[in-house]
Amino acid sequence: MAASAAPAFPTVAGHPALDLVDTVHWRLDPTRRIDTLPTYAALLRWCDEVARRPDLGALRVEAADSPAVAARELAAVVALREAVYGAVFERSDAAVRLIAAEYAEAVQRSSLVRSADGSGWTWSGPADLTGPRTVVARAAQDLLTADLSRARQCSDDACGWVYLDSSPRHNRIWCTAAGCGNRNRVARHQARKKS
């Protein structure tokens, strides 16, 4: 399958930092766990699709020219992804400290530039291989400084996807109704039939 035909990354979480956490499928089942960010190229695709950073195309060439640097950057982003999960769902102080340190570095690597319409200023990240890590660090900081009372994890025993519950009654329990919701409803129905 060509890279362009790869399935889209999930965007069910309601925040890019949580969508990044959801790049791990079957997080709670080590026998089925799948990491959909195995390469720096996959990370660039995630930045394009989810973080809406299409300006990272030139980094594919740079990553091919500097594979060791690309591998280090990918590892740093994966560590940030796991820190987001740890900070939000495990209340890990170490994870929060990692996110804070990465955010401070991201600010140092970035610059303020006039917005396209001239009405204000916006952050612009570096144009090197640290660009995706900068995007992720800013998203992680944005999430941690927001209201996390709606942060949830899918109720499926194996799934592990996370999201912000924006349902009217704040009673969403599945990452998606069509995926884990249907699978669990069918399983309960089959169990009742067997009884």
Protein backbone atom coordinates (compact mmCIF):
# COMPACT_ATOMS: atom_id res chain seq x y z
CA MET A 1 0.00 0.00 0.00
CA ALA A 2 1.37 3.41 -0.92
CA ALA A 3 1.99 5.93 1.84
CA SER A 4 -0.64 8.24 0.35
CA ALA A 5 -3.21 5.44 0.62
CA ALA A 6 -2.58 4.95 4.34
CA PRO A 7 -5.71 5.35 6.43
CA ALA A 8 -6.30 8.71 8.05
CA PHE A 9 -5.31 9.21 11.67
CA PRO A 10 -8.18 9.22 14.17
CA THR A 11 -9.63 12.60 15.09
CA VAL A 12 -12.26 11.60 17.63
CA ALA A 13 -10.58 13.12 20.69
CA GLY A 14 -11.57 16.76 20.40
CA HIS A 15 -8.01 18.07 20.83
CA PRO A 16 -4.84 17.50 18.75
CA ALA A 17 -2.80 16.38 21.80
CA LEU A 18 -5.38 13.70 22.60
CA ASP A 19 -5.60 12.75 18.92
CA LEU A 20 -1.86 12.15 19.16
CA VAL A 21 -2.42 9.83 22.15
CA ASP A 22 -4.92 7.96 19.96
CA THR A 23 -2.17 7.08 17.48
CA VAL A 24 -1.73 4.06 19.77
CA HIS A 25 -4.44 1.56 18.95
CA TRP A 26 -5.43 -1.04 21.55
CA ARG A 27 -3.37 0.78 24.21
CA LEU A 28 -4.77 -1.37 27.02
CA ASP A 29 -4.07 -4.72 25.34
CA PRO A 30 -0.32 -5.38 24.92
CA THR A 31 -1.01 -8.32 22.60
CA ARG A 32 -2.88 -6.14 20.08
CA ARG A 33 -1.19 -2.76 20.63
CA ILE A 34 -0.37 -0.90 17.39
CA ASP A 35 1.68 2.29 17.20
CA THR A 36 0.68 4.18 14.04
CA LEU A 37 3.68 6.53 14.35
CA PRO A 38 6.50 4.09 13.57
CA THR A 39 8.47 6.52 11.42
CA TYR A 40 9.23 10.21 11.11
CA ALA A 41 7.33 10.18 7.80
CA ALA A 42 4.23 8.98 9.66
CA LEU A 43 4.73 11.80 12.16
CA LEU A 44 4.82 14.32 9.30
CA ARG A 45 1.62 12.83 7.91
CA TRP A 46 0.00 13.19 11.36
CA CYS A 47 1.10 16.84 11.52
CA ASP A 48 -0.41 17.44 8.10
CA GLU A 49 -3.71 15.64 8.77
CA VAL A 50 -4.40 16.36 12.43
CA ALA A 51 -2.35 19.36 13.50
CA ARG A 52 -3.08 21.07 10.18
CA ARG A 53 0.58 21.81 9.47
CA PRO A 54 0.92 21.23 5.73
CA ASP A 55 4.08 23.37 5.64
CA LEU A 56 6.26 20.42 6.75
CA GLY A 57 6.69 18.79 3.32
CA ALA A 58 10.34 19.85 2.93
CA LEU A 59 11.13 17.93 6.10
CA ARG A 60 10.72 14.60 4.29
CA VAL A 61 13.88 15.31 2.34
CA GLU A 62 15.72 16.54 5.42
CA ALA A 63 14.66 13.43 7.36
CA ALA A 64 15.98 11.20 4.58
CA ASP A 65 19.28 13.09 4.66
CA SER A 66 19.53 12.98 8.49
CA PRO A 67 17.90 9.71 9.60
CA ALA A 68 19.53 9.69 13.05
CA VAL A 69 18.20 13.18 13.84
CA ALA A 70 14.77 12.21 12.51
CA ALA A 71 14.77 9.09 14.70
CA ARG A 72 15.66 11.17 17.79
CA GLU A 73 12.90 13.65 17.02
CA LEU A 74 10.38 10.84 16.54
CA ALA A 75 11.42 9.33 19.89
CA ALA A 76 10.99 12.73 21.56
CA VAL A 77 7.48 13.11 20.10
CA VAL A 78 6.54 9.59 21.22
CA ALA A 79 7.79 10.46 24.72
CA LEU A 80 5.63 13.60 24.63
CA ARG A 81 2.64 11.55 23.48
CA GLU A 82 3.08 9.19 26.40
CA ALA A 83 3.58 12.16 28.74
CA VAL A 84 0.23 13.61 27.65
CA TYR A 85 -1.43 10.28 28.48
CA GLY A 86 0.45 10.07 31.78
CA ALA A 87 -0.33 13.65 32.80
CA VAL A 88 -4.03 13.54 31.95
CA PHE A 89 -5.00 9.97 32.79
CA GLU A 90 -2.41 8.85 35.34
CA ARG A 91 -1.82 12.25 37.02
CA SER A 92 1.94 11.81 36.63
CA ASP A 93 4.01 14.73 37.90
CA ALA A 94 7.00 13.51 35.90
CA ALA A 95 4.90 13.62 32.72
CA VAL A 96 3.80 17.19 33.50
CA ARG A 97 7.43 18.23 34.04
CA LEU A 98 8.44 16.72 30.68
CA ILE A 99 5.65 18.59 28.90
CA ALA A 100 6.61 21.85 30.63
CA ALA A 101 10.29 21.42 29.66
CA GLU A 102 9.39 20.56 26.05
CA TYR A 103 7.04 23.55 25.87
CA ALA A 104 9.75 25.90 27.16
CA GLU A 105 12.13 24.57 24.50
CA ALA A 106 9.41 24.88 21.84
CA VAL A 107 8.94 28.56 22.68
CA GLN A 108 12.69 29.11 22.39
CA ARG A 109 12.73 27.41 18.97
CA SER A 110 9.77 29.50 17.75
CA SER A 111 9.30 33.11 16.79
CA LEU A 112 6.40 35.53 16.69
CA VAL A 113 5.38 36.60 13.19
CA ARG A 114 2.68 38.96 11.98
CA SER A 115 -0.49 37.07 11.07
CA ALA A 116 -1.38 36.86 7.38
CA ASP A 117 -4.18 39.40 7.73
CA GLY A 118 -1.97 41.78 9.70
CA SER A 119 -4.30 41.86 12.67
CA GLY A 120 -1.89 40.41 15.21
CA TRP A 121 0.91 37.99 15.87
CA THR A 122 1.17 34.22 15.80
CA TRP A 123 3.79 31.65 16.77
CA SER A 124 5.85 30.19 13.95
CA GLY A 125 7.80 27.03 14.64
CA PRO A 126 11.21 26.12 13.27
CA ALA A 127 11.59 24.87 9.70
CA ASP A 128 13.91 22.03 10.74
CA LEU A 129 13.30 18.49 12.00
CA THR A 130 12.25 19.84 15.43
CA GLY A 131 9.15 21.39 13.83
CA PRO A 132 6.77 18.51 14.62
CA ARG A 133 8.01 18.28 18.23
CA THR A 134 7.39 22.02 18.58
CA VAL A 135 3.81 21.59 17.29
CA VAL A 136 3.19 18.70 19.70
CA ALA A 137 4.72 20.50 22.70
CA ARG A 138 2.53 23.54 22.13
CA ALA A 139 -0.57 21.34 21.74
CA ALA A 140 0.31 19.42 24.92
CA GLN A 141 0.74 22.63 26.91
CA ASP A 142 -2.53 23.97 25.52
CA LEU A 143 -4.33 20.81 26.63
CA LEU A 144 -2.82 20.74 30.13
CA THR A 145 -3.74 24.36 30.79
CA ALA A 146 -7.36 23.81 29.66
CA ASP A 147 -10.29 22.32 31.56
CA LEU A 148 -9.58 18.58 31.79
CA SER A 149 -12.77 17.68 33.64
CA ARG A 150 -14.20 16.32 30.36
CA ALA A 151 -11.18 14.10 29.58
CA ARG A 152 -12.24 10.47 29.26
CA GLN A 153 -10.88 7.12 28.15
CA CYS A 154 -12.94 4.69 26.10
CA SER A 155 -14.76 2.17 28.28
CA ASP A 156 -13.72 -0.73 26.06
CA ASP A 157 -11.39 -3.04 28.01
CA ALA A 158 -8.69 -2.98 25.33
CA CYS A 159 -9.14 0.18 23.27
CA GLY A 160 -7.56 2.93 25.35
CA TRP A 161 -8.45 5.81 23.01
CA VAL A 162 -9.04 9.08 24.82
CA TYR A 163 -11.25 12.10 24.16
CA LEU A 164 -12.89 15.20 25.57
CA ASP A 165 -16.54 14.43 26.29
CA SER A 166 -18.52 17.12 24.54
CA SER A 167 -21.80 15.21 24.54
CA PRO A 168 -24.81 17.23 25.76
CA ARG A 169 -25.17 15.14 28.92
CA HIS A 170 -21.42 14.52 29.35
CA ASN A 171 -22.11 10.77 29.35
CA ARG A 172 -20.06 9.57 26.37
CA ILE A 173 -18.35 6.28 27.22
CA TRP A 174 -17.00 5.04 23.87
CA CYS A 175 -14.32 6.54 21.63
CA THR A 176 -16.75 6.03 18.75
CA ALA A 177 -20.29 4.71 18.77
CA ALA A 178 -19.66 2.90 15.47
CA GLY A 179 -16.45 1.19 16.67
CA CYS A 180 -16.15 0.29 20.33
CA GLY A 181 -19.77 1.18 21.05
CA ASN A 182 -21.18 -1.29 18.50
CA ARG A 183 -18.62 -3.99 19.31
CA ASN A 184 -19.47 -3.84 23.03
CA ARG A 185 -23.24 -3.70 22.43
CA VAL A 186 -23.00 -6.79 20.19
CA ALA A 187 -20.86 -8.59 22.79
CA ARG A 188 -23.39 -7.82 25.55
CA HIS A 189 -26.24 -8.97 23.30
CA GLN A 190 -24.44 -12.25 22.53
CA ALA A 191 -23.72 -12.80 26.24
CA ARG A 192 -27.43 -12.28 27.07
CA LYS A 193 -28.44 -14.75 24.34
CA LYS A 194 -26.09 -17.38 25.77
CA SER A 195 -27.56 -16.91 29.24
